[in-house]
Amino acid sequence: MNIKCNLPRILGERRMKISDLSRLTGVHRNILTRIYNESANRVDLDVIVAICAGLSIQVGELYEVVEED
């Protein structure tokens, strides 16, 4: 099983850029880029909380567990 990040889809639906989310949440753009590209090995809980609060979503909307192909 893997964890999939839905940030690209969410930002696309809202026509937002990573820089917009960075300004909204105060989270550094480089951190958001790693999350967006799913290259982050770890994500601090305060970053997840900031993203979810900024986008008015739940953690389950941002991340989901998927079966491996």
PDB file of N, CA and C in Angstrom:
ATOM      1  N   MET A   1       0.835  -1.181   0.000  1.00  0.00           N
ATOM      2  CA  MET A   1       0.000   0.000   0.000  1.00  0.00           C
ATOM      3  C   MET A   1       0.880   1.245   0.000  1.00  0.00           C
ATOM      4  N   ASN A   2       0.401   2.277  -0.615  1.00  0.00           N
ATOM      5  CA  ASN A   2       1.096   3.563  -0.681  1.00  0.00           C
ATOM      6  C   ASN A   2       0.159   4.684  -0.263  1.00  0.00           C
ATOM      7  N   ILE A   3       0.751   5.806   0.085  1.00  0.00           N
ATOM      8  CA  ILE A   3      -0.033   6.996   0.390  1.00  0.00           C
ATOM      9  C   ILE A   3       0.046   7.924  -0.813  1.00  0.00           C
ATOM     10  N   LYS A   4      -1.107   8.344  -1.301  1.00  0.00           N
ATOM     11  CA  LYS A   4      -1.178   9.225  -2.470  1.00  0.00           C
ATOM     12  C   LYS A   4      -1.598  10.613  -2.011  1.00  0.00           C
ATOM     13  N   CYS A   5      -0.921  11.613  -2.526  1.00  0.00           N
ATOM     14  CA  CYS A   5      -1.246  13.006  -2.216  1.00  0.00           C
ATOM     15  C   CYS A   5      -2.141  13.563  -3.317  1.00  0.00           C
ATOM     16  N   ASN A   6      -3.249  14.132  -2.936  1.00  0.00           N
ATOM     17  CA  ASN A   6      -4.205  14.694  -3.886  1.00  0.00           C
ATOM     18  C   ASN A   6      -4.045  16.194  -4.082  1.00  0.00           C
ATOM     19  N   LEU A   7      -2.931  16.756  -3.615  1.00  0.00           N
ATOM     20  CA  LEU A   7      -2.734  18.202  -3.738  1.00  0.00           C
ATOM     21  C   LEU A   7      -2.752  18.682  -5.184  1.00  0.00           C
ATOM     22  N   PRO A   8      -2.122  17.973  -6.134  1.00  0.00           N
ATOM     23  CA  PRO A   8      -2.189  18.449  -7.522  1.00  0.00           C
ATOM     24  C   PRO A   8      -3.626  18.561  -8.043  1.00  0.00           C
ATOM     25  N   ARG A   9      -4.437  17.571  -7.738  1.00  0.00           N
ATOM     26  CA  ARG A   9      -5.834  17.587  -8.186  1.00  0.00           C
ATOM     27  C   ARG A   9      -6.607  18.721  -7.520  1.00  0.00           C
ATOM     28  N   ILE A  10      -6.405  18.887  -6.219  1.00  0.00           N
ATOM     29  CA  ILE A  10      -7.134  19.915  -5.468  1.00  0.00           C
ATOM     30  C   ILE A  10      -6.774  21.313  -5.979  1.00  0.00           C
ATOM     31  N   LEU A  11      -5.476  21.555  -6.152  1.00  0.00           N
ATOM     32  CA  LEU A  11      -5.062  22.867  -6.653  1.00  0.00           C
ATOM     33  C   LEU A  11      -5.561  23.089  -8.076  1.00  0.00           C
ATOM     34  N   GLY A  12      -5.531  22.055  -8.901  1.00  0.00           N
ATOM     35  CA  GLY A  12      -6.025  22.171 -10.271  1.00  0.00           C
ATOM     36  C   GLY A  12      -7.505  22.525 -10.322  1.00  0.00           C
ATOM     37  N   GLU A  13      -8.288  21.865  -9.480  1.00  0.00           N
ATOM     38  CA  GLU A  13      -9.721  22.139  -9.440  1.00  0.00           C
ATOM     39  C   GLU A  13     -10.004  23.576  -9.004  1.00  0.00           C
ATOM     40  N   ARG A  14      -9.149  24.103  -8.143  1.00  0.00           N
ATOM     41  CA  ARG A  14      -9.346  25.466  -7.632  1.00  0.00           C
ATOM     42  C   ARG A  14      -8.575  26.506  -8.436  1.00  0.00           C
ATOM     43  N   ARG A  15      -7.888  26.033  -9.478  1.00  0.00           N
ATOM     44  CA  ARG A  15      -7.069  26.913 -10.322  1.00  0.00           C
ATOM     45  C   ARG A  15      -6.090  27.730  -9.476  1.00  0.00           C
ATOM     46  N   MET A  16      -5.433  27.023  -8.555  1.00  0.00           N
ATOM     47  CA  MET A  16      -4.445  27.644  -7.677  1.00  0.00           C
ATOM     48  C   MET A  16      -3.057  27.146  -8.042  1.00  0.00           C
ATOM     49  N   LYS A  17      -2.072  27.951  -7.748  1.00  0.00           N
ATOM     50  CA  LYS A  17      -0.679  27.573  -7.921  1.00  0.00           C
ATOM     51  C   LYS A  17      -0.069  27.301  -6.549  1.00  0.00           C
ATOM     52  N   ILE A  18       1.076  26.643  -6.557  1.00  0.00           N
ATOM     53  CA  ILE A  18       1.771  26.381  -5.303  1.00  0.00           C
ATOM     54  C   ILE A  18       2.098  27.696  -4.599  1.00  0.00           C
ATOM     55  N   SER A  19       2.472  28.711  -5.356  1.00  0.00           N
ATOM     56  CA  SER A  19       2.794  30.011  -4.754  1.00  0.00           C
ATOM     57  C   SER A  19       1.564  30.633  -4.077  1.00  0.00           C
ATOM     58  N   ASP A  20       0.378  30.417  -4.647  1.00  0.00           N
ATOM     59  CA  ASP A  20      -0.858  30.903  -4.018  1.00  0.00           C
ATOM     60  C   ASP A  20      -1.070  30.218  -2.669  1.00  0.00           C
ATOM     61  N   LEU A  21      -0.869  28.898  -2.662  1.00  0.00           N
ATOM     62  CA  LEU A  21      -1.052  28.130  -1.426  1.00  0.00           C
ATOM     63  C   LEU A  21      -0.011  28.530  -0.393  1.00  0.00           C
ATOM     64  N   SER A  22       1.194  28.815  -0.825  1.00  0.00           N
ATOM     65  CA  SER A  22       2.254  29.243   0.084  1.00  0.00           C
ATOM     66  C   SER A  22       1.880  30.556   0.763  1.00  0.00           C
ATOM     67  N   ARG A  23       1.395  31.521  -0.008  1.00  0.00           N
ATOM     68  CA  ARG A  23       0.963  32.800   0.563  1.00  0.00           C
ATOM     69  C   ARG A  23      -0.210  32.604   1.519  1.00  0.00           C
ATOM     70  N   LEU A  24      -1.126  31.730   1.160  1.00  0.00           N
ATOM     71  CA  LEU A  24      -2.322  31.477   1.968  1.00  0.00           C
ATOM     72  C   LEU A  24      -1.991  30.817   3.308  1.00  0.00           C
ATOM     73  N   THR A  25      -1.036  29.885   3.295  1.00  0.00           N
ATOM     74  CA  THR A  25      -0.760  29.068   4.473  1.00  0.00           C
ATOM     75  C   THR A  25       0.475  29.489   5.257  1.00  0.00           C
ATOM     76  N   GLY A  26       1.385  30.204   4.599  1.00  0.00           N
ATOM     77  CA  GLY A  26       2.646  30.545   5.258  1.00  0.00           C
ATOM     78  C   GLY A  26       3.664  29.420   5.203  1.00  0.00           C
ATOM     79  N   VAL A  27       3.348  28.340   4.493  1.00  0.00           N
ATOM     80  CA  VAL A  27       4.265  27.209   4.333  1.00  0.00           C
ATOM     81  C   VAL A  27       5.196  27.529   3.164  1.00  0.00           C
ATOM     82  N   HIS A  28       6.493  27.290   3.369  1.00  0.00           N
ATOM     83  CA  HIS A  28       7.480  27.617   2.339  1.00  0.00           C
ATOM     84  C   HIS A  28       7.170  26.877   1.041  1.00  0.00           C
ATOM     85  N   ARG A  29       7.375  27.572  -0.058  1.00  0.00           N
ATOM     86  CA  ARG A  29       7.057  27.033  -1.389  1.00  0.00           C
ATOM     87  C   ARG A  29       7.803  25.739  -1.695  1.00  0.00           C
ATOM     88  N   ASN A  30       9.062  25.631  -1.253  1.00  0.00           N
ATOM     89  CA  ASN A  30       9.845  24.413  -1.509  1.00  0.00           C
ATOM     90  C   ASN A  30       9.226  23.194  -0.833  1.00  0.00           C
ATOM     91  N   ILE A  31       8.706  23.377   0.355  1.00  0.00           N
ATOM     92  CA  ILE A  31       8.045  22.277   1.068  1.00  0.00           C
ATOM     93  C   ILE A  31       6.792  21.852   0.313  1.00  0.00           C
ATOM     94  N   LEU A  32       6.001  22.827  -0.113  1.00  0.00           N
ATOM     95  CA  LEU A  32       4.778  22.517  -0.853  1.00  0.00           C
ATOM     96  C   LEU A  32       5.094  21.836  -2.184  1.00  0.00           C
ATOM     97  N   THR A  33       6.167  22.238  -2.828  1.00  0.00           N
ATOM     98  CA  THR A  33       6.561  21.621  -4.097  1.00  0.00           C
ATOM     99  C   THR A  33       6.918  20.154  -3.892  1.00  0.00           C
ATOM    100  N   ARG A  34       7.643  19.845  -2.812  1.00  0.00           N
ATOM    101  CA  ARG A  34       7.985  18.439  -2.526  1.00  0.00           C
ATOM    102  C   ARG A  34       6.735  17.623  -2.228  1.00  0.00           C
ATOM    103  N   ILE A  35       5.790  18.206  -1.505  1.00  0.00           N
ATOM    104  CA  ILE A  35       4.533  17.505  -1.224  1.00  0.00           C
ATOM    105  C   ILE A  35       3.764  17.300  -2.523  1.00  0.00           C
ATOM    106  N   TYR A  36       3.663  18.329  -3.336  1.00  0.00           N
ATOM    107  CA  TYR A  36       2.948  18.291  -4.615  1.00  0.00           C
ATOM    108  C   TYR A  36       3.512  17.200  -5.532  1.00  0.00           C
ATOM    109  N   ASN A  37       4.838  17.103  -5.587  1.00  0.00           N
ATOM    110  CA  ASN A  37       5.499  16.121  -6.455  1.00  0.00           C
ATOM    111  C   ASN A  37       5.672  14.757  -5.802  1.00  0.00           C
ATOM    112  N   GLU A  38       5.160  14.616  -4.599  1.00  0.00           N
ATOM    113  CA  GLU A  38       5.261  13.379  -3.820  1.00  0.00           C
ATOM    114  C   GLU A  38       6.705  12.920  -3.659  1.00  0.00           C
ATOM    115  N   SER A  39       7.598  13.878  -3.475  1.00  0.00           N
ATOM    116  CA  SER A  39       8.999  13.552  -3.244  1.00  0.00           C
ATOM    117  C   SER A  39       9.413  13.785  -1.792  1.00  0.00           C
ATOM    118  N   ALA A  40       8.477  14.210  -0.956  1.00  0.00           N
ATOM    119  CA  ALA A  40       8.763  14.427   0.464  1.00  0.00           C
ATOM    120  C   ALA A  40       8.744  13.089   1.196  1.00  0.00           C
ATOM    121  N   ASN A  41       9.795  12.832   1.954  1.00  0.00           N
ATOM    122  CA  ASN A  41       9.843  11.606   2.752  1.00  0.00           C
ATOM    123  C   ASN A  41       9.051  11.743   4.037  1.00  0.00           C
ATOM    124  N   ARG A  42       9.025  12.966   4.548  1.00  0.00           N
ATOM    125  CA  ARG A  42       8.301  13.257   5.780  1.00  0.00           C
ATOM    126  C   ARG A  42       7.598  14.600   5.634  1.00  0.00           C
ATOM    127  N   VAL A  43       6.460  14.715   6.279  1.00  0.00           N
ATOM    128  CA  VAL A  43       5.740  15.988   6.295  1.00  0.00           C
ATOM    129  C   VAL A  43       5.318  16.239   7.737  1.00  0.00           C
ATOM    130  N   ASP A  44       5.698  17.399   8.267  1.00  0.00           N
ATOM    131  CA  ASP A  44       5.320  17.750   9.633  1.00  0.00           C
ATOM    132  C   ASP A  44       3.814  17.924   9.734  1.00  0.00           C
ATOM    133  N   LEU A  45       3.284  17.546  10.881  1.00  0.00           N
ATOM    134  CA  LEU A  45       1.846  17.653  11.086  1.00  0.00           C
ATOM    135  C   LEU A  45       1.368  19.098  10.999  1.00  0.00           C
ATOM    136  N   ASP A  46       2.191  20.049  11.462  1.00  0.00           N
ATOM    137  CA  ASP A  46       1.755  21.448  11.388  1.00  0.00           C
ATOM    138  C   ASP A  46       1.633  21.923   9.947  1.00  0.00           C
ATOM    139  N   VAL A  47       2.417  21.340   9.040  1.00  0.00           N
ATOM    140  CA  VAL A  47       2.301  21.671   7.617  1.00  0.00           C
ATOM    141  C   VAL A  47       0.997  21.099   7.055  1.00  0.00           C
ATOM    142  N   ILE A  48       0.684  19.863   7.414  1.00  0.00           N
ATOM    143  CA  ILE A  48      -0.561  19.244   6.960  1.00  0.00           C
ATOM    144  C   ILE A  48      -1.760  20.040   7.480  1.00  0.00           C
ATOM    145  N   VAL A  49      -1.703  20.428   8.741  1.00  0.00           N
ATOM    146  CA  VAL A  49      -2.787  21.221   9.331  1.00  0.00           C
ATOM    147  C   VAL A  49      -2.937  22.551   8.597  1.00  0.00           C
ATOM    148  N   ALA A  50      -1.818  23.206   8.296  1.00  0.00           N
ATOM    149  CA  ALA A  50      -1.876  24.495   7.594  1.00  0.00           C
ATOM    150  C   ALA A  50      -2.478  24.344   6.203  1.00  0.00           C
ATOM    151  N   ILE A  51      -2.084  23.298   5.484  1.00  0.00           N
ATOM    152  CA  ILE A  51      -2.633  23.055   4.143  1.00  0.00           C
ATOM    153  C   ILE A  51      -4.130  22.789   4.226  1.00  0.00           C
ATOM    154  N   CYS A  52      -4.515  21.904   5.129  1.00  0.00           N
ATOM    155  CA  CYS A  52      -5.939  21.563   5.260  1.00  0.00           C
ATOM    156  C   CYS A  52      -6.767  22.775   5.684  1.00  0.00           C
ATOM    157  N   ALA A  53      -6.249  23.573   6.610  1.00  0.00           N
ATOM    158  CA  ALA A  53      -6.983  24.760   7.055  1.00  0.00           C
ATOM    159  C   ALA A  53      -7.070  25.779   5.924  1.00  0.00           C
ATOM    160  N   GLY A  54      -5.980  25.980   5.209  1.00  0.00           N
ATOM    161  CA  GLY A  54      -5.973  26.948   4.125  1.00  0.00           C
ATOM    162  C   GLY A  54      -6.912  26.585   2.996  1.00  0.00           C
ATOM    163  N   LEU A  55      -7.030  25.286   2.726  1.00  0.00           N
ATOM    164  CA  LEU A  55      -7.894  24.826   1.641  1.00  0.00           C
ATOM    165  C   LEU A  55      -9.281  24.409   2.123  1.00  0.00           C
ATOM    166  N   SER A  56      -9.518  24.477   3.434  1.00  0.00           N
ATOM    167  CA  SER A  56     -10.796  24.049   4.050  1.00  0.00           C
ATOM    168  C   SER A  56     -11.137  22.621   3.662  1.00  0.00           C
ATOM    169  N   ILE A  57     -10.163  21.727   3.861  1.00  0.00           N
ATOM    170  CA  ILE A  57     -10.366  20.302   3.570  1.00  0.00           C
ATOM    171  C   ILE A  57      -9.946  19.473   4.775  1.00  0.00           C
ATOM    172  N   GLN A  58     -10.293  18.198   4.739  1.00  0.00           N
ATOM    173  CA  GLN A  58      -9.885  17.254   5.767  1.00  0.00           C
ATOM    174  C   GLN A  58      -8.631  16.518   5.303  1.00  0.00           C
ATOM    175  N   VAL A  59      -7.902  15.949   6.251  1.00  0.00           N
ATOM    176  CA  VAL A  59      -6.677  15.217   5.930  1.00  0.00           C
ATOM    177  C   VAL A  59      -6.962  14.096   4.936  1.00  0.00           C
ATOM    178  N   GLY A  60      -8.098  13.431   5.070  1.00  0.00           N
ATOM    179  CA  GLY A  60      -8.470  12.342   4.166  1.00  0.00           C
ATOM    180  C   GLY A  60      -8.707  12.794   2.735  1.00  0.00           C
ATOM    181  N   GLU A  61      -8.953  14.079   2.551  1.00  0.00           N
ATOM    182  CA  GLU A  61      -9.086  14.613   1.198  1.00  0.00           C
ATOM    183  C   GLU A  61      -7.723  14.916   0.603  1.00  0.00           C
ATOM    184  N   LEU A  62      -6.756  15.255   1.452  1.00  0.00           N
ATOM    185  CA  LEU A  62      -5.410  15.575   1.000  1.00  0.00           C
ATOM    186  C   LEU A  62      -4.610  14.311   0.724  1.00  0.00           C
ATOM    187  N   TYR A  63      -4.706  13.339   1.603  1.00  0.00           N
ATOM    188  CA  TYR A  63      -3.974  12.078   1.469  1.00  0.00           C
ATOM    189  C   TYR A  63      -4.938  10.911   1.486  1.00  0.00           C
ATOM    190  N   GLU A  64      -4.598   9.876   0.719  1.00  0.00           N
ATOM    191  CA  GLU A  64      -5.375   8.643   0.740  1.00  0.00           C
ATOM    192  C   GLU A  64      -4.440   7.451   0.588  1.00  0.00           C
ATOM    193  N   VAL A  65      -4.843   6.327   1.138  1.00  0.00           N
ATOM    194  CA  VAL A  65      -4.072   5.097   1.016  1.00  0.00           C
ATOM    195  C   VAL A  65      -4.577   4.348  -0.211  1.00  0.00           C
ATOM    196  N   VAL A  66      -3.647   3.952  -1.086  1.00  0.00           N
ATOM    197  CA  VAL A  66      -4.003   3.248  -2.319  1.00  0.00           C
ATOM    198  C   VAL A  66      -3.251   1.937  -2.400  1.00  0.00           C
ATOM    199  N   GLU A  67      -3.852   0.988  -3.084  1.00  0.00           N
ATOM    200  CA  GLU A  67      -3.216  -0.304  -3.323  1.00  0.00           C
ATOM    201  C   GLU A  67      -2.087  -0.138  -4.322  1.00  0.00           C
ATOM    202  N   GLU A  68      -1.014  -0.898  -4.159  1.00  0.00           N
ATOM    203  CA  GLU A  68       0.073  -0.868  -5.124  1.00  0.00           C
ATOM    204  C   GLU A  68      -0.358  -1.596  -6.380  1.00  0.00           C
ATOM    205  N   ASP A  69       0.125  -1.118  -7.533  1.00  0.00           N
ATOM    206  CA  ASP A  69      -0.226  -1.748  -8.803  1.00  0.00           C
ATOM    207  C   ASP A  69       0.612  -2.971  -9.054  1.00  0.00           C
TER     208      ASP A  69
END
